[in-house]
PDB file of all heavy atoms in Angstrom:
ATOM      1  N   GLU A   1       0.833  -1.203   0.000  1.00  0.00           N
ATOM      2  CA  GLU A   1       0.000   0.000  -0.001  1.00  0.00           C
ATOM      3  C   GLU A   1       0.868   1.254   0.000  1.00  0.00           C
ATOM      4  O   GLU A   1       0.561   2.229  -0.695  1.00  0.00           O
ATOM      5  CB  GLU A   1      -0.919  -0.006   1.218  1.00  0.00           C
ATOM      6  CG  GLU A   1      -1.941  -1.123   1.223  1.00  0.00           C
ATOM      7  CD  GLU A   1      -2.790  -1.099   2.481  1.00  0.00           C
ATOM      8  OE1 GLU A   1      -2.867  -0.031   3.126  1.00  0.00           O
ATOM      9  OE2 GLU A   1      -3.377  -2.139   2.831  1.00  0.00           O
ATOM     10  N   LEU A   2       1.940   1.230   0.773  1.00  0.00           N
ATOM     11  CA  LEU A   2       2.846   2.384   0.811  1.00  0.00           C
ATOM     12  C   LEU A   2       3.445   2.655  -0.564  1.00  0.00           C
ATOM     13  O   LEU A   2       3.482   3.805  -1.021  1.00  0.00           O
ATOM     14  CB  LEU A   2       3.955   2.129   1.839  1.00  0.00           C
ATOM     15  CG  LEU A   2       5.082   3.156   1.881  1.00  0.00           C
ATOM     16  CD1 LEU A   2       4.559   4.530   2.224  1.00  0.00           C
ATOM     17  CD2 LEU A   2       6.154   2.720   2.872  1.00  0.00           C
ATOM     18  N   ASN A   3       3.907   1.617  -1.235  1.00  0.00           N
ATOM     19  CA  ASN A   3       4.499   1.805  -2.561  1.00  0.00           C
ATOM     20  C   ASN A   3       3.479   2.311  -3.570  1.00  0.00           C
ATOM     21  O   ASN A   3       3.803   3.109  -4.455  1.00  0.00           O
ATOM     22  CB  ASN A   3       5.109   0.491  -3.046  1.00  0.00           C
ATOM     23  CG  ASN A   3       6.274   0.043  -2.182  1.00  0.00           C
ATOM     24  OD1 ASN A   3       6.958   0.869  -1.576  1.00  0.00           O
ATOM     25  ND2 ASN A   3       6.509  -1.255  -2.109  1.00  0.00           N
ATOM     26  N   GLN A   4       2.245   1.861  -3.438  1.00  0.00           N
ATOM     27  CA  GLN A   4       1.197   2.321  -4.351  1.00  0.00           C
ATOM     28  C   GLN A   4       0.854   3.783  -4.103  1.00  0.00           C
ATOM     29  O   GLN A   4       0.706   4.567  -5.045  1.00  0.00           O
ATOM     30  CB  GLN A   4      -0.043   1.446  -4.185  1.00  0.00           C
ATOM     31  CG  GLN A   4      -1.172   1.796  -5.141  1.00  0.00           C
ATOM     32  CD  GLN A   4      -2.381   0.886  -4.962  1.00  0.00           C
ATOM     33  OE1 GLN A   4      -2.389   0.024  -4.089  1.00  0.00           O
ATOM     34  NE2 GLN A   4      -3.400   1.075  -5.775  1.00  0.00           N
ATOM     35  N   ILE A   5       0.742   4.176  -2.834  1.00  0.00           N
ATOM     36  CA  ILE A   5       0.423   5.563  -2.508  1.00  0.00           C
ATOM     37  C   ILE A   5       1.566   6.486  -2.894  1.00  0.00           C
ATOM     38  O   ILE A   5       1.335   7.611  -3.359  1.00  0.00           O
ATOM     39  CB  ILE A   5       0.105   5.688  -1.007  1.00  0.00           C
ATOM     40  CG1 ILE A   5      -1.177   4.937  -0.658  1.00  0.00           C
ATOM     41  CG2 ILE A   5      -0.012   7.141  -0.591  1.00  0.00           C
ATOM     42  CD1 ILE A   5      -2.415   5.450  -1.365  1.00  0.00           C
ATOM     43  N   ALA A   6       2.807   6.029  -2.705  1.00  0.00           N
ATOM     44  CA  ALA A   6       3.969   6.882  -2.986  1.00  0.00           C
ATOM     45  C   ALA A   6       4.002   7.327  -4.439  1.00  0.00           C
ATOM     46  O   ALA A   6       4.511   8.417  -4.744  1.00  0.00           O
ATOM     47  CB  ALA A   6       5.252   6.144  -2.620  1.00  0.00           C
ATOM     48  N   ARG A   7       3.460   6.522  -5.343  1.00  0.00           N
ATOM     49  CA  ARG A   7       3.456   6.900  -6.762  1.00  0.00           C
ATOM     50  C   ARG A   7       2.550   8.086  -7.045  1.00  0.00           C
ATOM     51  O   ARG A   7       2.725   8.776  -8.054  1.00  0.00           O
ATOM     52  CB  ARG A   7       3.031   5.699  -7.616  1.00  0.00           C
ATOM     53  CG  ARG A   7       4.055   4.584  -7.664  1.00  0.00           C
ATOM     54  CD  ARG A   7       3.754   3.620  -8.789  1.00  0.00           C
ATOM     55  NE  ARG A   7       2.543   2.858  -8.545  1.00  0.00           N
ATOM     56  CZ  ARG A   7       2.505   1.659  -7.965  1.00  0.00           C
ATOM     57  NH1 ARG A   7       3.636   1.104  -7.555  1.00  0.00           N
ATOM     58  NH2 ARG A   7       1.376   1.026  -7.787  1.00  0.00           N
ATOM     59  N   HIS A   8       1.569   8.334  -6.174  1.00  0.00           N
ATOM     60  CA  HIS A   8       0.620   9.426  -6.385  1.00  0.00           C
ATOM     61  C   HIS A   8       0.979  10.665  -5.571  1.00  0.00           C
ATOM     62  O   HIS A   8       0.272  11.671  -5.657  1.00  0.00           O
ATOM     63  CB  HIS A   8      -0.791   8.971  -6.015  1.00  0.00           C
ATOM     64  CG  HIS A   8      -1.278   7.786  -6.799  1.00  0.00           C
ATOM     65  ND1 HIS A   8      -1.668   7.872  -8.120  1.00  0.00           N
ATOM     66  CD2 HIS A   8      -1.416   6.473  -6.448  1.00  0.00           C
ATOM     67  CE1 HIS A   8      -2.040   6.671  -8.554  1.00  0.00           C
ATOM     68  NE2 HIS A   8      -1.891   5.814  -7.557  1.00  0.00           N
ATOM     69  N   CYS A   9       2.049  10.603  -4.799  1.00  0.00           N
ATOM     70  CA  CYS A   9       2.431  11.736  -3.950  1.00  0.00           C
ATOM     71  C   CYS A   9       3.423  12.630  -4.676  1.00  0.00           C
ATOM     72  O   CYS A   9       4.120  12.186  -5.594  1.00  0.00           O
ATOM     73  CB  CYS A   9       3.057  11.227  -2.641  1.00  0.00           C
ATOM     74  SG  CYS A   9       1.907  10.350  -1.569  1.00  0.00           S
ATOM     75  N   PRO A  10       3.511  13.894  -4.287  1.00  0.00           N
ATOM     76  CA  PRO A  10       4.532  14.769  -4.878  1.00  0.00           C
ATOM     77  C   PRO A  10       5.922  14.271  -4.519  1.00  0.00           C
ATOM     78  O   PRO A  10       6.128  13.696  -3.442  1.00  0.00           O
ATOM     79  CB  PRO A  10       4.236  16.130  -4.240  1.00  0.00           C
ATOM     80  CG  PRO A  10       3.508  15.816  -2.972  1.00  0.00           C
ATOM     81  CD  PRO A  10       2.703  14.588  -3.263  1.00  0.00           C
ATOM     82  N   GLN A  11       6.866  14.460  -5.411  1.00  0.00           N
ATOM     83  CA  GLN A  11       8.220  13.990  -5.186  1.00  0.00           C
ATOM     84  C   GLN A  11       9.073  15.134  -4.645  1.00  0.00           C
ATOM     85  O   GLN A  11       9.522  15.997  -5.383  1.00  0.00           O
ATOM     86  CB  GLN A  11       8.812  13.438  -6.488  1.00  0.00           C
ATOM     87  CG  GLN A  11       8.025  12.279  -7.076  1.00  0.00           C
ATOM     88  CD  GLN A  11       7.892  11.114  -6.106  1.00  0.00           C
ATOM     89  OE1 GLN A  11       8.881  10.666  -5.521  1.00  0.00           O
ATOM     90  NE2 GLN A  11       6.672  10.618  -5.923  1.00  0.00           N
ATOM     91  N   ASN A  12       9.253  15.149  -3.345  1.00  0.00           N
ATOM     92  CA  ASN A  12      10.080  16.159  -2.704  1.00  0.00           C
ATOM     93  C   ASN A  12      10.655  15.564  -1.429  1.00  0.00           C
ATOM     94  O   ASN A  12      10.422  14.398  -1.108  1.00  0.00           O
ATOM     95  CB  ASN A  12       9.283  17.435  -2.414  1.00  0.00           C
ATOM     96  CG  ASN A  12       7.983  17.143  -1.684  1.00  0.00           C
ATOM     97  OD1 ASN A  12       7.940  16.357  -0.740  1.00  0.00           O
ATOM     98  ND2 ASN A  12       6.889  17.759  -2.132  1.00  0.00           N
ATOM     99  N   ILE A  13      11.392  16.355  -0.684  1.00  0.00           N
ATOM    100  CA  ILE A  13      12.078  15.822   0.493  1.00  0.00           C
ATOM    101  C   ILE A  13      11.093  15.417   1.587  1.00  0.00           C
ATOM    102  O   ILE A  13      11.358  14.501   2.372  1.00  0.00           O
ATOM    103  CB  ILE A  13      13.102  16.860   1.004  1.00  0.00           C
ATOM    104  CG1 ILE A  13      14.063  16.190   2.000  1.00  0.00           C
ATOM    105  CG2 ILE A  13      12.394  18.052   1.654  1.00  0.00           C
ATOM    106  CD1 ILE A  13      15.256  17.034   2.334  1.00  0.00           C
ATOM    107  N   VAL A  14       9.926  16.080   1.630  1.00  0.00           N
ATOM    108  CA  VAL A  14       8.950  15.726   2.656  1.00  0.00           C
ATOM    109  C   VAL A  14       8.342  14.350   2.363  1.00  0.00           C
ATOM    110  O   VAL A  14       8.155  13.535   3.275  1.00  0.00           O
ATOM    111  CB  VAL A  14       7.849  16.797   2.766  1.00  0.00           C
ATOM    112  CG1 VAL A  14       6.922  16.494   3.932  1.00  0.00           C
ATOM    113  CG2 VAL A  14       8.467  18.169   2.950  1.00  0.00           C
ATOM    114  N   SER A  15       8.044  14.085   1.096  1.00  0.00           N
ATOM    115  CA  SER A  15       7.525  12.765   0.746  1.00  0.00           C
ATOM    116  C   SER A  15       8.589  11.688   0.977  1.00  0.00           C
ATOM    117  O   SER A  15       8.270  10.545   1.325  1.00  0.00           O
ATOM    118  CB  SER A  15       7.054  12.743  -0.704  1.00  0.00           C
ATOM    119  OG  SER A  15       8.127  12.962  -1.591  1.00  0.00           O
ATOM    120  N   PHE A  16       9.847  12.065   0.790  1.00  0.00           N
ATOM    121  CA  PHE A  16      10.956  11.151   1.086  1.00  0.00           C
ATOM    122  C   PHE A  16      10.948  10.785   2.571  1.00  0.00           C
ATOM    123  O   PHE A  16      11.102   9.623   2.951  1.00  0.00           O
ATOM    124  CB  PHE A  16      12.257  11.852   0.695  1.00  0.00           C
ATOM    125  CG  PHE A  16      13.451  10.929   0.606  1.00  0.00           C
ATOM    126  CD1 PHE A  16      13.447   9.832  -0.238  1.00  0.00           C
ATOM    127  CD2 PHE A  16      14.572  11.169   1.367  1.00  0.00           C
ATOM    128  CE1 PHE A  16      14.547   8.989  -0.330  1.00  0.00           C
ATOM    129  CE2 PHE A  16      15.678  10.337   1.293  1.00  0.00           C
ATOM    130  CZ  PHE A  16      15.661   9.247   0.441  1.00  0.00           C
ATOM    131  N   MET A  17      10.749  11.778   3.417  1.00  0.00           N
ATOM    132  CA  MET A  17      10.685  11.544   4.861  1.00  0.00           C
ATOM    133  C   MET A  17       9.436  10.749   5.233  1.00  0.00           C
ATOM    134  O   MET A  17       9.464   9.906   6.136  1.00  0.00           O
ATOM    135  CB  MET A  17      10.705  12.875   5.599  1.00  0.00           C
ATOM    136  CG  MET A  17      12.009  13.624   5.464  1.00  0.00           C
ATOM    137  SD  MET A  17      11.923  15.239   6.233  1.00  0.00           S
ATOM    138  CE  MET A  17      11.575  14.785   7.913  1.00  0.00           C
ATOM    139  N   PHE A  18       8.340  11.007   4.541  1.00  0.00           N
ATOM    140  CA  PHE A  18       7.110  10.252   4.783  1.00  0.00           C
ATOM    141  C   PHE A  18       7.324   8.768   4.499  1.00  0.00           C
ATOM    142  O   PHE A  18       6.898   7.896   5.274  1.00  0.00           O
ATOM    143  CB  PHE A  18       5.988  10.805   3.904  1.00  0.00           C
ATOM    144  CG  PHE A  18       4.863   9.847   3.642  1.00  0.00           C
ATOM    145  CD1 PHE A  18       3.960   9.521   4.634  1.00  0.00           C
ATOM    146  CD2 PHE A  18       4.708   9.259   2.391  1.00  0.00           C
ATOM    147  CE1 PHE A  18       2.918   8.629   4.397  1.00  0.00           C
ATOM    148  CE2 PHE A  18       3.674   8.377   2.144  1.00  0.00           C
ATOM    149  CZ  PHE A  18       2.782   8.057   3.148  1.00  0.00           C
ATOM    150  N   HIS A  19       7.995   8.474   3.391  1.00  0.00           N
ATOM    151  CA  HIS A  19       8.269   7.079   3.043  1.00  0.00           C
ATOM    152  C   HIS A  19       9.148   6.426   4.103  1.00  0.00           C
ATOM    153  O   HIS A  19       8.918   5.266   4.500  1.00  0.00           O
ATOM    154  CB  HIS A  19       8.945   7.010   1.672  1.00  0.00           C
ATOM    155  CG  HIS A  19       8.925   5.652   1.055  1.00  0.00           C
ATOM    156  ND1 HIS A  19       9.804   4.658   1.425  1.00  0.00           N
ATOM    157  CD2 HIS A  19       8.124   5.100   0.100  1.00  0.00           C
ATOM    158  CE1 HIS A  19       9.551   3.562   0.721  1.00  0.00           C
ATOM    159  NE2 HIS A  19       8.537   3.801  -0.079  1.00  0.00           N
ATOM    160  N   LEU A  20      10.139   7.167   4.590  1.00  0.00           N
ATOM    161  CA  LEU A  20      11.011   6.651   5.635  1.00  0.00           C
ATOM    162  C   LEU A  20      10.231   6.383   6.924  1.00  0.00           C
ATOM    163  O   LEU A  20      10.340   5.302   7.521  1.00  0.00           O
ATOM    164  CB  LEU A  20      12.136   7.655   5.887  1.00  0.00           C
ATOM    165  CG  LEU A  20      13.017   7.426   7.114  1.00  0.00           C
ATOM    166  CD1 LEU A  20      13.845   6.161   6.938  1.00  0.00           C
ATOM    167  CD2 LEU A  20      13.925   8.622   7.351  1.00  0.00           C
ATOM    168  N   HIS A  21       9.443   7.360   7.341  1.00  0.00           N
ATOM    169  CA  HIS A  21       8.694   7.228   8.587  1.00  0.00           C
ATOM    170  C   HIS A  21       7.688   6.080   8.513  1.00  0.00           C
ATOM    171  O   HIS A  21       7.577   5.270   9.447  1.00  0.00           O
ATOM    172  CB  HIS A  21       7.966   8.539   8.880  1.00  0.00           C
ATOM    173  CG  HIS A  21       6.999   8.466  10.013  1.00  0.00           C
ATOM    174  ND1 HIS A  21       7.390   8.392  11.331  1.00  0.00           N
ATOM    175  CD2 HIS A  21       5.633   8.431  10.033  1.00  0.00           C
ATOM    176  CE1 HIS A  21       6.326   8.325  12.105  1.00  0.00           C
ATOM    177  NE2 HIS A  21       5.250   8.340  11.347  1.00  0.00           N
ATOM    178  N   THR A  22       6.964   5.978   7.413  1.00  0.00           N
ATOM    179  CA  THR A  22       5.957   4.925   7.282  1.00  0.00           C
ATOM    180  C   THR A  22       6.607   3.556   7.220  1.00  0.00           C
ATOM    181  O   THR A  22       6.074   2.576   7.766  1.00  0.00           O
ATOM    182  CB  THR A  22       5.093   5.170   6.040  1.00  0.00           C
ATOM    183  OG1 THR A  22       4.587   6.502   6.054  1.00  0.00           O
ATOM    184  CG2 THR A  22       3.929   4.202   5.986  1.00  0.00           C
ATOM    185  N   SER A  23       7.759   3.454   6.569  1.00  0.00           N
ATOM    186  CA  SER A  23       8.470   2.169   6.515  1.00  0.00           C
ATOM    187  C   SER A  23       8.867   1.714   7.913  1.00  0.00           C
ATOM    188  O   SER A  23       8.769   0.529   8.245  1.00  0.00           O
ATOM    189  CB  SER A  23       9.710   2.294   5.627  1.00  0.00           C
ATOM    190  OG  SER A  23       9.360   2.604   4.289  1.00  0.00           O
ATOM    191  N   LEU A  24       9.303   2.654   8.739  1.00  0.00           N
ATOM    192  CA  LEU A  24       9.649   2.296  10.114  1.00  0.00           C
ATOM    193  C   LEU A  24       8.403   1.888  10.897  1.00  0.00           C
ATOM    194  O   LEU A  24       8.461   0.989  11.746  1.00  0.00           O
ATOM    195  CB  LEU A  24      10.344   3.468  10.805  1.00  0.00           C
ATOM    196  CG  LEU A  24      11.769   3.759  10.339  1.00  0.00           C
ATOM    197  CD1 LEU A  24      12.294   5.024  10.989  1.00  0.00           C
ATOM    198  CD2 LEU A  24      12.689   2.588  10.654  1.00  0.00           C
ATOM    199  N   GLU A  25       7.269   2.545  10.625  1.00  0.00           N
ATOM    200  CA  GLU A  25       6.024   2.161  11.291  1.00  0.00           C
ATOM    201  C   GLU A  25       5.594   0.750  10.898  1.00  0.00           C
ATOM    202  O   GLU A  25       4.897   0.069  11.644  1.00  0.00           O
ATOM    203  CB  GLU A  25       4.915   3.152  10.938  1.00  0.00           C
ATOM    204  CG  GLU A  25       5.061   4.505  11.591  1.00  0.00           C
ATOM    205  CD  GLU A  25       4.821   4.445  13.084  1.00  0.00           C
ATOM    206  OE1 GLU A  25       3.784   3.904  13.502  1.00  0.00           O
ATOM    207  OE2 GLU A  25       5.691   4.914  13.839  1.00  0.00           O
ATOM    208  N   LEU A  26       6.030   0.316   9.702  1.00  0.00           N
ATOM    209  CA  LEU A  26       5.714  -1.034   9.227  1.00  0.00           C
ATOM    210  C   LEU A  26       6.828  -2.020   9.568  1.00  0.00           C
ATOM    211  O   LEU A  26       6.885  -3.112   8.999  1.00  0.00           O
ATOM    212  CB  LEU A  26       5.472  -1.017   7.715  1.00  0.00           C
ATOM    213  CG  LEU A  26       4.270  -0.198   7.241  1.00  0.00           C
ATOM    214  CD1 LEU A  26       4.245  -0.107   5.725  1.00  0.00           C
ATOM    215  CD2 LEU A  26       2.971  -0.788   7.761  1.00  0.00           C
ATOM    216  N   TYR A  27       7.735  -1.627  10.462  1.00  0.00           N
ATOM    217  CA  TYR A  27       8.801  -2.490  10.976  1.00  0.00           C
ATOM    218  C   TYR A  27       9.802  -2.900   9.907  1.00  0.00           C
ATOM    219  O   TYR A  27      10.403  -3.976   9.982  1.00  0.00           O
ATOM    220  CB  TYR A  27       8.215  -3.754  11.636  1.00  0.00           C
ATOM    221  CG  TYR A  27       7.077  -3.478  12.568  1.00  0.00           C
ATOM    222  CD1 TYR A  27       5.781  -3.898  12.278  1.00  0.00           C
ATOM    223  CD2 TYR A  27       7.290  -2.772  13.743  1.00  0.00           C
ATOM    224  CE1 TYR A  27       4.732  -3.624  13.133  1.00  0.00           C
ATOM    225  CE2 TYR A  27       6.244  -2.496  14.600  1.00  0.00           C
ATOM    226  CZ  TYR A  27       4.974  -2.926  14.291  1.00  0.00           C
ATOM    227  OH  TYR A  27       3.935  -2.651  15.150  1.00  0.00           O
ATOM    228  N   GLN A  28      10.023  -2.051   8.920  1.00  0.00           N
ATOM    229  CA  GLN A  28      11.010  -2.350   7.897  1.00  0.00           C
ATOM    230  C   GLN A  28      12.410  -2.045   8.412  1.00  0.00           C
ATOM    231  O   GLN A  28      12.603  -1.162   9.251  1.00  0.00           O
ATOM    232  CB  GLN A  28      10.743  -1.519   6.636  1.00  0.00           C
ATOM    233  CG  GLN A  28       9.391  -1.790   5.985  1.00  0.00           C
ATOM    234  CD  GLN A  28       9.308  -3.197   5.447  1.00  0.00           C
ATOM    235  OE1 GLN A  28       9.959  -3.542   4.469  1.00  0.00           O
ATOM    236  NE2 GLN A  28       8.498  -4.022   6.091  1.00  0.00           N
ATOM    237  N   GLN A  29      13.412  -2.756   7.886  1.00  0.00           N
ATOM    238  CA  GLN A  29      14.799  -2.470   8.254  1.00  0.00           C
ATOM    239  C   GLN A  29      15.731  -2.912   7.123  1.00  0.00           C
ATOM    240  O   GLN A  29      16.725  -3.585   7.333  1.00  0.00           O
ATOM    241  CB  GLN A  29      15.157  -3.139   9.574  1.00  0.00           C
ATOM    242  CG  GLN A  29      14.764  -4.579   9.730  1.00  0.00           C
ATOM    243  CD  GLN A  29      15.891  -5.542   9.379  1.00  0.00           C
ATOM    244  OE1 GLN A  29      17.065  -5.232   9.532  1.00  0.00           O
ATOM    245  NE2 GLN A  29      15.525  -6.707   8.888  1.00  0.00           N
ATOM    246  N   THR A  30      15.375  -2.521   5.893  1.00  0.00           N
ATOM    247  CA  THR A  30      16.135  -2.917   4.718  1.00  0.00           C
ATOM    248  C   THR A  30      17.341  -2.005   4.525  1.00  0.00           C
ATOM    249  O   THR A  30      17.379  -0.876   5.034  1.00  0.00           O
ATOM    250  CB  THR A  30      15.234  -2.849   3.472  1.00  0.00           C
ATOM    251  OG1 THR A  30      14.778  -1.498   3.300  1.00  0.00           O
ATOM    252  CG2 THR A  30      14.021  -3.756   3.634  1.00  0.00           C
ATOM    253  N   PRO A  31      18.353  -2.445   3.745  1.00  0.00           N
ATOM    254  CA  PRO A  31      19.508  -1.579   3.454  1.00  0.00           C
ATOM    255  C   PRO A  31      19.112  -0.286   2.749  1.00  0.00           C
ATOM    256  O   PRO A  31      19.716   0.769   2.994  1.00  0.00           O
ATOM    257  CB  PRO A  31      20.386  -2.464   2.565  1.00  0.00           C
ATOM    258  CG  PRO A  31      20.011  -3.871   2.923  1.00  0.00           C
ATOM    259  CD  PRO A  31      18.547  -3.821   3.240  1.00  0.00           C
ATOM    260  N   ASN A  32      18.119  -0.334   1.863  1.00  0.00           N
ATOM    261  CA  ASN A  32      17.686   0.884   1.175  1.00  0.00           C
ATOM    262  C   ASN A  32      17.152   1.907   2.163  1.00  0.00           C
ATOM    263  O   ASN A  32      17.369   3.115   2.007  1.00  0.00           O
ATOM    264  CB  ASN A  32      16.605   0.546   0.140  1.00  0.00           C
ATOM    265  CG  ASN A  32      17.156  -0.209  -1.049  1.00  0.00           C
ATOM    266  OD1 ASN A  32      18.353  -0.129  -1.330  1.00  0.00           O
ATOM    267  ND2 ASN A  32      16.313  -0.946  -1.745  1.00  0.00           N
ATOM    268  N   LEU A  33      16.462   1.422   3.174  1.00  0.00           N
ATOM    269  CA  LEU A  33      15.933   2.328   4.187  1.00  0.00           C
ATOM    270  C   LEU A  33      17.071   2.985   4.962  1.00  0.00           C
ATOM    271  O   LEU A  33      17.038   4.186   5.254  1.00  0.00           O
ATOM    272  CB  LEU A  33      15.018   1.551   5.131  1.00  0.00           C
ATOM    273  CG  LEU A  33      14.132   2.366   6.078  1.00  0.00           C
ATOM    274  CD1 LEU A  33      13.176   3.240   5.298  1.00  0.00           C
ATOM    275  CD2 LEU A  33      13.378   1.442   7.007  1.00  0.00           C
ATOM    276  N   ALA A  34      18.088   2.207   5.281  1.00  0.00           N
ATOM    277  CA  ALA A  34      19.246   2.766   5.988  1.00  0.00           C
ATOM    278  C   ALA A  34      19.962   3.804   5.132  1.00  0.00           C
ATOM    279  O   ALA A  34      20.395   4.855   5.636  1.00  0.00           O
ATOM    280  CB  ALA A  34      20.202   1.637   6.377  1.00  0.00           C
ATOM    281  N   ASN A  35      20.081   3.538   3.831  1.00  0.00           N
ATOM    282  CA  ASN A  35      20.727   4.513   2.941  1.00  0.00           C
ATOM    283  C   ASN A  35      19.920   5.800   2.853  1.00  0.00           C
ATOM    284  O   ASN A  35      20.488   6.906   2.851  1.00  0.00           O
ATOM    285  CB  ASN A  35      20.901   3.905   1.544  1.00  0.00           C
ATOM    286  CG  ASN A  35      21.900   2.760   1.529  1.00  0.00           C
ATOM    287  OD1 ASN A  35      22.785   2.700   2.384  1.00  0.00           O
ATOM    288  ND2 ASN A  35      21.763   1.853   0.581  1.00  0.00           N
ATOM    289  N   SER A  36      18.595   5.681   2.789  1.00  0.00           N
ATOM    290  CA  SER A  36      17.743   6.869   2.743  1.00  0.00           C
ATOM    291  C   SER A  36      17.903   7.703   4.007  1.00  0.00           C
ATOM    292  O   SER A  36      17.970   8.934   3.961  1.00  0.00           O
ATOM    293  CB  SER A  36      16.275   6.462   2.566  1.00  0.00           C
ATOM    294  OG  SER A  36      16.086   5.737   1.380  1.00  0.00           O
ATOM    295  N   LEU A  37      17.983   7.025   5.132  1.00  0.00           N
ATOM    296  CA  LEU A  37      18.149   7.727   6.399  1.00  0.00           C
ATOM    297  C   LEU A  37      19.495   8.445   6.464  1.00  0.00           C
ATOM    298  O   LEU A  37      19.591   9.571   6.959  1.00  0.00           O
ATOM    299  CB  LEU A  37      18.012   6.728   7.550  1.00  0.00           C
ATOM    300  CG  LEU A  37      18.044   7.287   8.965  1.00  0.00           C
ATOM    301  CD1 LEU A  37      16.990   8.371   9.145  1.00  0.00           C
ATOM    302  CD2 LEU A  37      17.821   6.169   9.977  1.00  0.00           C
ATOM    303  N   GLU A  38      20.533   7.812   5.929  1.00  0.00           N
ATOM    304  CA  GLU A  38      21.852   8.451   5.916  1.00  0.00           C
ATOM    305  C   GLU A  38      21.845   9.698   5.026  1.00  0.00           C
ATOM    306  O   GLU A  38      22.465  10.715   5.351  1.00  0.00           O
ATOM    307  CB  GLU A  38      22.904   7.459   5.430  1.00  0.00           C
ATOM    308  CG  GLU A  38      23.212   6.343   6.413  1.00  0.00           C
ATOM    309  CD  GLU A  38      23.813   6.867   7.707  1.00  0.00           C
ATOM    310  OE1 GLU A  38      24.461   7.932   7.695  1.00  0.00           O
ATOM    311  OE2 GLU A  38      23.626   6.201   8.744  1.00  0.00           O
ATOM    312  N   GLN A  39      21.154   9.623   3.899  1.00  0.00           N
ATOM    313  CA  GLN A  39      21.076  10.783   3.013  1.00  0.00           C
ATOM    314  C   GLN A  39      20.382  11.952   3.701  1.00  0.00           C
ATOM    315  O   GLN A  39      20.838  13.099   3.616  1.00  0.00           O
ATOM    316  CB  GLN A  39      20.327  10.407   1.728  1.00  0.00           C
ATOM    317  CG  GLN A  39      21.055   9.403   0.846  1.00  0.00           C
ATOM    318  CD  GLN A  39      20.250   9.023  -0.379  1.00  0.00           C
ATOM    319  OE1 GLN A  39      19.501   9.836  -0.914  1.00  0.00           O
ATOM    320  NE2 GLN A  39      20.382   7.790  -0.821  1.00  0.00           N
ATOM    321  N   LEU A  40      19.278  11.683   4.376  1.00  0.00           N
ATOM    322  CA  LEU A  40      18.577  12.752   5.079  1.00  0.00           C
ATOM    323  C   LEU A  40      19.411  13.302   6.230  1.00  0.00           C
ATOM    324  O   LEU A  40      19.413  14.509   6.489  1.00  0.00           O
ATOM    325  CB  LEU A  40      17.241  12.236   5.607  1.00  0.00           C
ATOM    326  CG  LEU A  40      16.117  12.085   4.583  1.00  0.00           C
ATOM    327  CD1 LEU A  40      14.924  11.376   5.210  1.00  0.00           C
ATOM    328  CD2 LEU A  40      15.686  13.442   4.042  1.00  0.00           C
ATOM    329  N   SER A  41      20.141  12.421   6.910  1.00  0.00           N
ATOM    330  CA  SER A  41      20.958  12.874   8.032  1.00  0.00           C
ATOM    331  C   SER A  41      22.088  13.783   7.574  1.00  0.00           C
ATOM    332  O   SER A  41      22.529  14.653   8.324  1.00  0.00           O
ATOM    333  CB  SER A  41      21.531  11.665   8.783  1.00  0.00           C
ATOM    334  OG  SER A  41      20.502  10.875   9.329  1.00  0.00           O
ATOM    335  N   SER A  42      22.559  13.585   6.352  1.00  0.00           N
ATOM    336  CA  SER A  42      23.601  14.480   5.835  1.00  0.00           C
ATOM    337  C   SER A  42      23.068  15.881   5.574  1.00  0.00           C
ATOM    338  O   SER A  42      23.819  16.859   5.598  1.00  0.00           O
ATOM    339  CB  SER A  42      24.193  13.893   4.545  1.00  0.00           C
ATOM    340  OG  SER A  42      23.203  13.846   3.522  1.00  0.00           O
ATOM    341  N   ILE A  43      21.758  15.987   5.331  1.00  0.00           N
ATOM    342  CA  ILE A  43      21.149  17.300   5.105  1.00  0.00           C
ATOM    343  C   ILE A  43      20.764  17.949   6.425  1.00  0.00           C
ATOM    344  O   ILE A  43      20.960  19.156   6.623  1.00  0.00           O
ATOM    345  CB  ILE A  43      19.903  17.152   4.202  1.00  0.00           C
ATOM    346  CG1 ILE A  43      20.285  16.499   2.872  1.00  0.00           C
ATOM    347  CG2 ILE A  43      19.247  18.511   3.960  1.00  0.00           C
ATOM    348  CD1 ILE A  43      19.098  16.180   1.986  1.00  0.00           C
ATOM    349  N   PHE A  44      20.217  17.149   7.348  1.00  0.00           N
ATOM    350  CA  PHE A  44      19.792  17.653   8.655  1.00  0.00           C
ATOM    351  C   PHE A  44      20.602  16.929   9.740  1.00  0.00           C
ATOM    352  O   PHE A  44      20.098  15.987  10.373  1.00  0.00           O
ATOM    353  CB  PHE A  44      18.294  17.410   8.864  1.00  0.00           C
ATOM    354  CG  PHE A  44      17.420  17.932   7.764  1.00  0.00           C
ATOM    355  CD1 PHE A  44      16.914  17.085   6.790  1.00  0.00           C
ATOM    356  CD2 PHE A  44      17.092  19.275   7.698  1.00  0.00           C
ATOM    357  CE1 PHE A  44      16.097  17.565   5.781  1.00  0.00           C
ATOM    358  CE2 PHE A  44      16.282  19.765   6.696  1.00  0.00           C
ATOM    359  CZ  PHE A  44      15.785  18.916   5.730  1.00  0.00           C
ATOM    360  N   PRO A  45      21.832  17.311   9.959  1.00  0.00           N
ATOM    361  CA  PRO A  45      22.714  16.513  10.831  1.00  0.00           C
ATOM    362  C   PRO A  45      22.289  16.462  12.288  1.00  0.00           C
ATOM    363  O   PRO A  45      22.653  15.524  12.988  1.00  0.00           O
ATOM    364  CB  PRO A  45      24.076  17.206  10.671  1.00  0.00           C
ATOM    365  CG  PRO A  45      23.766  18.581  10.197  1.00  0.00           C
ATOM    366  CD  PRO A  45      22.517  18.481   9.384  1.00  0.00           C
TER     367      PRO A  45
END
């Protein structure tokens, strides 16, 4: 459902954070999620 909704959302940094937050709410812990978190942390240290 998250992947389906993400296709209809605007593509910006807030939607990027939304995808990260929702993935954590769904108990995800994939390498892609860790990479996304590192990218955001480099912007907001």
